[in-house]
Amino acid sequence: GLNRFFSFIHYCLYLCGVIVSFSVGSEDILSRCSTTSSLHIAHPHAAHLQAARFILDPTMFVVIGVLLITHEHEKYPVAIMWHTISGALLIAVAFVQGVVTFLHALELPNDRATMLARLVHAQLFMISGVWMCFMGYLYIHSPYEPGSDGGFHTLLEQNGFISHSNTEAIFAYFSATCLLSTAMMLYIVWRDGAALQTQMSQEQKKSSYTNVTVGLCASHEP
């Protein structure tokens, strides 16, 4: 029946969440399991893992996003809109992650376009995470659940903060989420900007040295 299908959708969401969580941390786990003494020496299976993540991560985000958009968790309009926007954000994360992966595949890790794409990717992740946190505080308990008074959104309505429409309310919350996420990202960039610039300069020098070395080796081949 409907209850079984409802549970099936949730199991799919949980499974995709576990898979993408393991995938995101897999490279770090693999490096810690490496028998080499230097962290700069890649694990023998690192290339295979990266290739798998190119496909796995965006796919899982798209699947979760589609399920959040199409799955009717409940009848309350604000909750439905909340899940819809959350799903759209995850699909956007998947798309930008694919763009970043493509730029890295072109061996342009320090290119300005790649740097900007990574910032957009991080910003989308931040917005998506804050949005889900707000979902928990503003609407973690449905007013339709027995014994529940509803979340913060319901309390606002009960205290006279009533919007003209559910669309107005949800996009007001979304705007607040974007503003807070942007402020957090600006703080991170300002705090770590100098360190990131130094790291990118070192990577650029290392990349140039590698290119010269490869070129010299190729020129001496018979």
C-alpha atoms as a PDB file:
ATOM      1  CA  GLY A   1       0.000   0.000   0.000  1.00  0.00           C
ATOM      2  CA  LEU A   2       0.894   3.665   0.257  1.00  0.00           C
ATOM      3  CA  ASN A   3       2.599   3.219   3.618  1.00  0.00           C
ATOM      4  CA  ARG A   4       4.947   0.597   2.194  1.00  0.00           C
ATOM      5  CA  PHE A   5       5.815   2.762  -0.813  1.00  0.00           C
ATOM      6  CA  PHE A   6       6.306   5.739   1.531  1.00  0.00           C
ATOM      7  CA  SER A   7       8.801   3.665   3.531  1.00  0.00           C
ATOM      8  CA  PHE A   8      10.473   2.429   0.337  1.00  0.00           C
ATOM      9  CA  ILE A   9      11.167   6.019  -0.775  1.00  0.00           C
ATOM     10  CA  HIS A  10      12.657   6.809   2.615  1.00  0.00           C
ATOM     11  CA  TYR A  11      14.867   3.722   2.484  1.00  0.00           C
ATOM     12  CA  CYS A  12      16.112   4.864  -0.936  1.00  0.00           C
ATOM     13  CA  LEU A  13      16.916   8.302   0.482  1.00  0.00           C
ATOM     14  CA  TYR A  14      18.780   6.819   3.427  1.00  0.00           C
ATOM     15  CA  LEU A  15      20.704   4.420   1.186  1.00  0.00           C
ATOM     16  CA  CYS A  16      21.777   7.204  -1.182  1.00  0.00           C
ATOM     17  CA  GLY A  17      22.784   9.325   1.809  1.00  0.00           C
ATOM     18  CA  VAL A  18      24.964   6.542   3.208  1.00  0.00           C
ATOM     19  CA  ILE A  19      26.554   5.901  -0.194  1.00  0.00           C
ATOM     20  CA  VAL A  20      27.413   9.546  -0.866  1.00  0.00           C
ATOM     21  CA  SER A  21      28.695  10.011   2.711  1.00  0.00           C
ATOM     22  CA  PHE A  22      31.026   7.036   2.329  1.00  0.00           C
ATOM     23  CA  SER A  23      32.086   8.200  -1.126  1.00  0.00           C
ATOM     24  CA  VAL A  24      32.958  11.711   0.060  1.00  0.00           C
ATOM     25  CA  GLY A  25      35.161  10.334   2.835  1.00  0.00           C
ATOM     26  CA  SER A  26      36.546   7.391   0.893  1.00  0.00           C
ATOM     27  CA  GLU A  27      39.692   9.101  -0.405  1.00  0.00           C
ATOM     28  CA  ASP A  28      40.692  10.169   3.094  1.00  0.00           C
ATOM     29  CA  ILE A  29      39.989   6.658   4.396  1.00  0.00           C
ATOM     30  CA  LEU A  30      42.064   5.181   1.585  1.00  0.00           C
ATOM     31  CA  SER A  31      44.986   7.505   2.275  1.00  0.00           C
ATOM     32  CA  ARG A  32      44.928   6.572   5.957  1.00  0.00           C
ATOM     33  CA  CYS A  33      44.944   2.886   5.033  1.00  0.00           C
ATOM     34  CA  SER A  34      47.935   3.383   2.748  1.00  0.00           C
ATOM     35  CA  THR A  35      51.153   1.603   3.702  1.00  0.00           C
ATOM     36  CA  THR A  36      53.268   4.448   2.337  1.00  0.00           C
ATOM     37  CA  SER A  37      54.877   6.797   4.816  1.00  0.00           C
ATOM     38  CA  SER A  38      54.251   9.950   2.810  1.00  0.00           C
ATOM     39  CA  LEU A  39      50.803  11.409   2.310  1.00  0.00           C
ATOM     40  CA  HIS A  40      52.001  12.825  -1.017  1.00  0.00           C
ATOM     41  CA  ILE A  41      52.288   9.315  -2.465  1.00  0.00           C
ATOM     42  CA  ALA A  42      48.923   8.284  -3.855  1.00  0.00           C
ATOM     43  CA  HIS A  43      47.362   4.968  -2.960  1.00  0.00           C
ATOM     44  CA  PRO A  44      47.473   2.460  -5.854  1.00  0.00           C
ATOM     45  CA  HIS A  45      43.673   2.491  -6.081  1.00  0.00           C
ATOM     46  CA  ALA A  46      43.275   6.276  -5.712  1.00  0.00           C
ATOM     47  CA  ALA A  47      42.826   6.827  -9.455  1.00  0.00           C
ATOM     48  CA  HIS A  48      40.107   4.169  -9.638  1.00  0.00           C
ATOM     49  CA  LEU A  49      38.355   5.698  -6.641  1.00  0.00           C
ATOM     50  CA  GLN A  50      38.437   9.192  -8.135  1.00  0.00           C
ATOM     51  CA  ALA A  51      37.037   7.885 -11.413  1.00  0.00           C
ATOM     52  CA  ALA A  52      34.238   6.139  -9.530  1.00  0.00           C
ATOM     53  CA  ARG A  53      33.428   9.311  -7.593  1.00  0.00           C
ATOM     54  CA  PHE A  54      33.143  11.304 -10.834  1.00  0.00           C
ATOM     55  CA  ILE A  55      30.075   9.192 -11.582  1.00  0.00           C
ATOM     56  CA  LEU A  56      28.845   8.179  -8.144  1.00  0.00           C
ATOM     57  CA  ASP A  57      28.659  11.493  -6.279  1.00  0.00           C
ATOM     58  CA  PRO A  58      26.664  13.535  -8.831  1.00  0.00           C
ATOM     59  CA  THR A  59      24.367  10.570  -9.485  1.00  0.00           C
ATOM     60  CA  MET A  60      23.543  10.153  -5.793  1.00  0.00           C
ATOM     61  CA  PHE A  61      22.862  13.879  -5.402  1.00  0.00           C
ATOM     62  CA  VAL A  62      20.556  13.833  -8.428  1.00  0.00           C
ATOM     63  CA  VAL A  63      18.691  10.772  -7.124  1.00  0.00           C
ATOM     64  CA  ILE A  64      18.217  12.336  -3.684  1.00  0.00           C
ATOM     65  CA  GLY A  65      17.152  15.612  -5.281  1.00  0.00           C
ATOM     66  CA  VAL A  66      14.597  13.969  -7.569  1.00  0.00           C
ATOM     67  CA  LEU A  67      13.157  11.943  -4.685  1.00  0.00           C
ATOM     68  CA  LEU A  68      12.865  15.048  -2.512  1.00  0.00           C
ATOM     69  CA  ILE A  69      11.066  16.911  -5.301  1.00  0.00           C
ATOM     70  CA  THR A  70       8.635  14.146  -6.264  1.00  0.00           C
ATOM     71  CA  HIS A  71       8.093  12.418  -2.911  1.00  0.00           C
ATOM     72  CA  GLU A  72       5.060  13.793  -1.055  1.00  0.00           C
ATOM     73  CA  HIS A  73       6.186  13.668   2.542  1.00  0.00           C
ATOM     74  CA  GLU A  74       2.967  15.253   3.754  1.00  0.00           C
ATOM     75  CA  LYS A  75       0.161  17.560   2.662  1.00  0.00           C
ATOM     76  CA  TYR A  76       1.323  20.804   4.278  1.00  0.00           C
ATOM     77  CA  PRO A  77       2.270  23.225   1.439  1.00  0.00           C
ATOM     78  CA  VAL A  78       5.273  24.802   3.176  1.00  0.00           C
ATOM     79  CA  ALA A  79       6.777  21.373   3.848  1.00  0.00           C
ATOM     80  CA  ILE A  80       6.275  20.327   0.222  1.00  0.00           C
ATOM     81  CA  MET A  81       7.946  23.524  -1.024  1.00  0.00           C
ATOM     82  CA  TRP A  82      10.773  23.044   1.445  1.00  0.00           C
ATOM     83  CA  HIS A  83      11.517  19.572   0.124  1.00  0.00           C
ATOM     84  CA  THR A  84      11.212  20.792  -3.478  1.00  0.00           C
ATOM     85  CA  ILE A  85      13.785  23.560  -3.003  1.00  0.00           C
ATOM     86  CA  SER A  86      16.075  21.186  -1.125  1.00  0.00           C
ATOM     87  CA  GLY A  87      15.913  18.736  -4.023  1.00  0.00           C
ATOM     88  CA  ALA A  88      16.624  21.479  -6.561  1.00  0.00           C
ATOM     89  CA  LEU A  89      19.664  22.590  -4.547  1.00  0.00           C
ATOM     90  CA  LEU A  90      21.098  19.069  -4.516  1.00  0.00           C
ATOM     91  CA  ILE A  91      20.608  18.733  -8.273  1.00  0.00           C
ATOM     92  CA  ALA A  92      22.423  22.062  -8.698  1.00  0.00           C
ATOM     93  CA  VAL A  93      25.223  20.728  -6.468  1.00  0.00           C
ATOM     94  CA  ALA A  94      25.505  17.672  -8.721  1.00  0.00           C
ATOM     95  CA  PHE A  95      25.675  19.826 -11.855  1.00  0.00           C
ATOM     96  CA  VAL A  96      28.356  22.173 -10.514  1.00  0.00           C
ATOM     97  CA  GLN A  97      30.323  19.224  -9.155  1.00  0.00           C
ATOM     98  CA  GLY A  98      30.307  17.773 -12.658  1.00  0.00           C
ATOM     99  CA  VAL A  99      31.616  21.074 -14.036  1.00  0.00           C
ATOM    100  CA  VAL A 100      34.401  21.185 -11.429  1.00  0.00           C
ATOM    101  CA  THR A 101      35.310  17.574 -12.196  1.00  0.00           C
ATOM    102  CA  PHE A 102      35.461  18.367 -15.917  1.00  0.00           C
ATOM    103  CA  LEU A 103      37.723  21.376 -15.320  1.00  0.00           C
ATOM    104  CA  HIS A 104      40.044  19.267 -13.175  1.00  0.00           C
ATOM    105  CA  ALA A 105      40.084  16.588 -15.872  1.00  0.00           C
ATOM    106  CA  LEU A 106      41.428  19.269 -18.221  1.00  0.00           C
ATOM    107  CA  GLU A 107      44.320  19.644 -15.742  1.00  0.00           C
ATOM    108  CA  LEU A 108      43.376  23.204 -14.860  1.00  0.00           C
ATOM    109  CA  PRO A 109      43.218  22.982 -11.034  1.00  0.00           C
ATOM    110  CA  ASN A 110      44.606  26.508 -10.563  1.00  0.00           C
ATOM    111  CA  ASP A 111      42.768  28.144 -13.438  1.00  0.00           C
ATOM    112  CA  ARG A 112      40.554  31.054 -12.396  1.00  0.00           C
ATOM    113  CA  ALA A 113      37.467  29.386 -13.865  1.00  0.00           C
ATOM    114  CA  THR A 114      38.165  26.264 -11.808  1.00  0.00           C
ATOM    115  CA  MET A 115      38.666  28.322  -8.659  1.00  0.00           C
ATOM    116  CA  LEU A 116      35.375  30.143  -9.198  1.00  0.00           C
ATOM    117  CA  ALA A 117      33.576  26.874  -9.931  1.00  0.00           C
ATOM    118  CA  ARG A 118      34.894  25.418  -6.675  1.00  0.00           C
ATOM    119  CA  LEU A 119      33.653  28.472  -4.778  1.00  0.00           C
ATOM    120  CA  VAL A 120      30.201  28.131  -6.352  1.00  0.00           C
ATOM    121  CA  HIS A 121      30.238  24.428  -5.483  1.00  0.00           C
ATOM    122  CA  ALA A 122      31.104  25.208  -1.852  1.00  0.00           C
ATOM    123  CA  GLN A 123      28.462  27.945  -1.717  1.00  0.00           C
ATOM    124  CA  LEU A 124      25.761  25.592  -2.992  1.00  0.00           C
ATOM    125  CA  PHE A 125      26.795  23.002  -0.424  1.00  0.00           C
ATOM    126  CA  MET A 126      26.599  25.672   2.284  1.00  0.00           C
ATOM    127  CA  ILE A 127      23.153  26.861   1.189  1.00  0.00           C
ATOM    128  CA  SER A 128      21.873  23.295   0.990  1.00  0.00           C
ATOM    129  CA  GLY A 129      23.186  22.460   4.461  1.00  0.00           C
ATOM    130  CA  VAL A 130      21.826  25.616   6.094  1.00  0.00           C
ATOM    131  CA  TRP A 131      18.507  25.090   4.310  1.00  0.00           C
ATOM    132  CA  MET A 132      18.214  21.592   5.776  1.00  0.00           C
ATOM    133  CA  CYS A 133      19.116  22.905   9.236  1.00  0.00           C
ATOM    134  CA  PHE A 134      16.433  25.555   8.916  1.00  0.00           C
ATOM    135  CA  MET A 135      14.029  22.837   7.829  1.00  0.00           C
ATOM    136  CA  GLY A 136      14.726  21.094  11.114  1.00  0.00           C
ATOM    137  CA  TYR A 137      14.137  24.179  13.257  1.00  0.00           C
ATOM    138  CA  LEU A 138      11.357  25.852  11.292  1.00  0.00           C
ATOM    139  CA  TYR A 139       9.436  22.768  10.345  1.00  0.00           C
ATOM    140  CA  ILE A 140      10.719  19.614  11.997  1.00  0.00           C
ATOM    141  CA  HIS A 141       7.349  18.784  13.545  1.00  0.00           C
ATOM    142  CA  SER A 142       4.298  18.897  11.332  1.00  0.00           C
ATOM    143  CA  PRO A 143       1.133  20.439  12.784  1.00  0.00           C
ATOM    144  CA  TYR A 144      -0.660  17.464  11.244  1.00  0.00           C
ATOM    145  CA  GLU A 145       1.196  14.985  13.457  1.00  0.00           C
ATOM    146  CA  PRO A 146      -0.745  13.886  16.569  1.00  0.00           C
ATOM    147  CA  GLY A 147       0.426  15.736  19.668  1.00  0.00           C
ATOM    148  CA  SER A 148       2.634  18.167  17.739  1.00  0.00           C
ATOM    149  CA  ASP A 149       2.282  21.945  17.804  1.00  0.00           C
ATOM    150  CA  GLY A 150       4.370  22.321  14.670  1.00  0.00           C
ATOM    151  CA  GLY A 151       7.718  23.957  14.135  1.00  0.00           C
ATOM    152  CA  PHE A 152       8.878  27.568  14.265  1.00  0.00           C
ATOM    153  CA  HIS A 153       6.907  28.441  11.129  1.00  0.00           C
ATOM    154  CA  THR A 154       3.692  27.354  12.851  1.00  0.00           C
ATOM    155  CA  LEU A 155       4.600  29.338  15.975  1.00  0.00           C
ATOM    156  CA  LEU A 156       5.137  32.446  13.844  1.00  0.00           C
ATOM    157  CA  GLU A 157       1.675  32.062  12.358  1.00  0.00           C
ATOM    158  CA  GLN A 158       0.146  31.578  15.799  1.00  0.00           C
ATOM    159  CA  ASN A 159       1.784  34.826  16.965  1.00  0.00           C
ATOM    160  CA  GLY A 160       0.508  36.932  14.080  1.00  0.00           C
ATOM    161  CA  PHE A 161       3.423  36.625  11.613  1.00  0.00           C
ATOM    162  CA  ILE A 162       1.232  35.497   8.741  1.00  0.00           C
ATOM    163  CA  SER A 163       2.415  35.697   5.140  1.00  0.00           C
ATOM    164  CA  HIS A 164       0.158  36.455   2.179  1.00  0.00           C
ATOM    165  CA  SER A 165       0.907  33.033   0.728  1.00  0.00           C
ATOM    166  CA  ASN A 166       2.951  29.923   1.366  1.00  0.00           C
ATOM    167  CA  THR A 167       5.169  30.863  -1.586  1.00  0.00           C
ATOM    168  CA  GLU A 168       5.978  34.211   0.015  1.00  0.00           C
ATOM    169  CA  ALA A 169       6.864  32.489   3.290  1.00  0.00           C
ATOM    170  CA  ILE A 170       9.076  29.797   1.792  1.00  0.00           C
ATOM    171  CA  PHE A 171      11.064  32.220  -0.358  1.00  0.00           C
ATOM    172  CA  ALA A 172      11.482  34.584   2.590  1.00  0.00           C
ATOM    173  CA  TYR A 173      13.064  31.679   4.457  1.00  0.00           C
ATOM    174  CA  PHE A 174      15.132  30.835   1.385  1.00  0.00           C
ATOM    175  CA  SER A 175      16.368  34.428   1.095  1.00  0.00           C
ATOM    176  CA  ALA A 176      17.386  34.383   4.757  1.00  0.00           C
ATOM    177  CA  THR A 177      19.194  31.093   4.133  1.00  0.00           C
ATOM    178  CA  CYS A 178      21.106  32.545   1.172  1.00  0.00           C
ATOM    179  CA  LEU A 179      22.102  35.653   3.133  1.00  0.00           C
ATOM    180  CA  LEU A 180      23.333  33.637   6.115  1.00  0.00           C
ATOM    181  CA  SER A 181      25.164  31.137   3.891  1.00  0.00           C
ATOM    182  CA  THR A 182      26.846  33.940   1.946  1.00  0.00           C
ATOM    183  CA  ALA A 183      27.968  35.613   5.170  1.00  0.00           C
ATOM    184  CA  MET A 184      29.454  32.319   6.370  1.00  0.00           C
ATOM    185  CA  MET A 185      31.238  31.730   3.060  1.00  0.00           C
ATOM    186  CA  LEU A 186      32.632  35.283   3.011  1.00  0.00           C
ATOM    187  CA  TYR A 187      34.000  34.766   6.515  1.00  0.00           C
ATOM    188  CA  ILE A 188      35.652  31.492   5.481  1.00  0.00           C
ATOM    189  CA  VAL A 189      37.182  33.067   2.362  1.00  0.00           C
ATOM    190  CA  TRP A 190      38.390  36.080   4.353  1.00  0.00           C
ATOM    191  CA  ARG A 191      39.814  33.872   7.136  1.00  0.00           C
ATOM    192  CA  ASP A 192      41.520  31.320   4.879  1.00  0.00           C
ATOM    193  CA  GLY A 193      42.127  33.462   1.802  1.00  0.00           C
ATOM    194  CA  ALA A 194      45.841  34.041   2.414  1.00  0.00           C
ATOM    195  CA  ALA A 195      46.500  30.376   3.180  1.00  0.00           C
ATOM    196  CA  LEU A 196      44.570  29.268   0.109  1.00  0.00           C
ATOM    197  CA  GLN A 197      46.466  31.728  -2.092  1.00  0.00           C
ATOM    198  CA  THR A 198      49.794  30.400  -0.773  1.00  0.00           C
ATOM    199  CA  GLN A 199      48.696  26.820  -1.332  1.00  0.00           C
ATOM    200  CA  MET A 200      47.576  27.565  -4.886  1.00  0.00           C
ATOM    201  CA  SER A 201      50.894  29.292  -5.625  1.00  0.00           C
ATOM    202  CA  GLN A 202      52.777  26.248  -4.371  1.00  0.00           C
ATOM    203  CA  GLU A 203      50.575  23.967  -6.449  1.00  0.00           C
ATOM    204  CA  GLN A 204      51.195  26.183  -9.478  1.00  0.00           C
ATOM    205  CA  LYS A 205      54.976  25.950  -8.988  1.00  0.00           C
ATOM    206  CA  LYS A 206      54.737  22.196  -8.463  1.00  0.00           C
ATOM    207  CA  SER A 207      52.606  21.865 -11.591  1.00  0.00           C
ATOM    208  CA  SER A 208      55.079  23.934 -13.630  1.00  0.00           C
ATOM    209  CA  TYR A 209      57.998  21.852 -12.326  1.00  0.00           C
ATOM    210  CA  THR A 210      56.148  18.652 -13.202  1.00  0.00           C
ATOM    211  CA  ASN A 211      55.397  19.885 -16.725  1.00  0.00           C
ATOM    212  CA  VAL A 212      59.052  20.831 -17.275  1.00  0.00           C
ATOM    213  CA  THR A 213      60.240  17.473 -15.934  1.00  0.00           C
ATOM    214  CA  VAL A 214      57.824  15.559 -18.136  1.00  0.00           C
ATOM    215  CA  GLY A 215      58.885  17.639 -21.133  1.00  0.00           C
ATOM    216  CA  LEU A 216      62.580  16.983 -20.499  1.00  0.00           C
ATOM    217  CA  CYS A 217      61.964  13.265 -20.092  1.00  0.00           C
ATOM    218  CA  ALA A 218      59.960  13.179 -23.299  1.00  0.00           C
ATOM    219  CA  SER A 219      62.651  15.069 -25.209  1.00  0.00           C
ATOM    220  CA  HIS A 220      65.271  12.480 -24.220  1.00  0.00           C
ATOM    221  CA  GLU A 221      63.211   9.525 -25.335  1.00  0.00           C
ATOM    222  CA  PRO A 222      64.651   7.736 -28.406  1.00  0.00           C
END
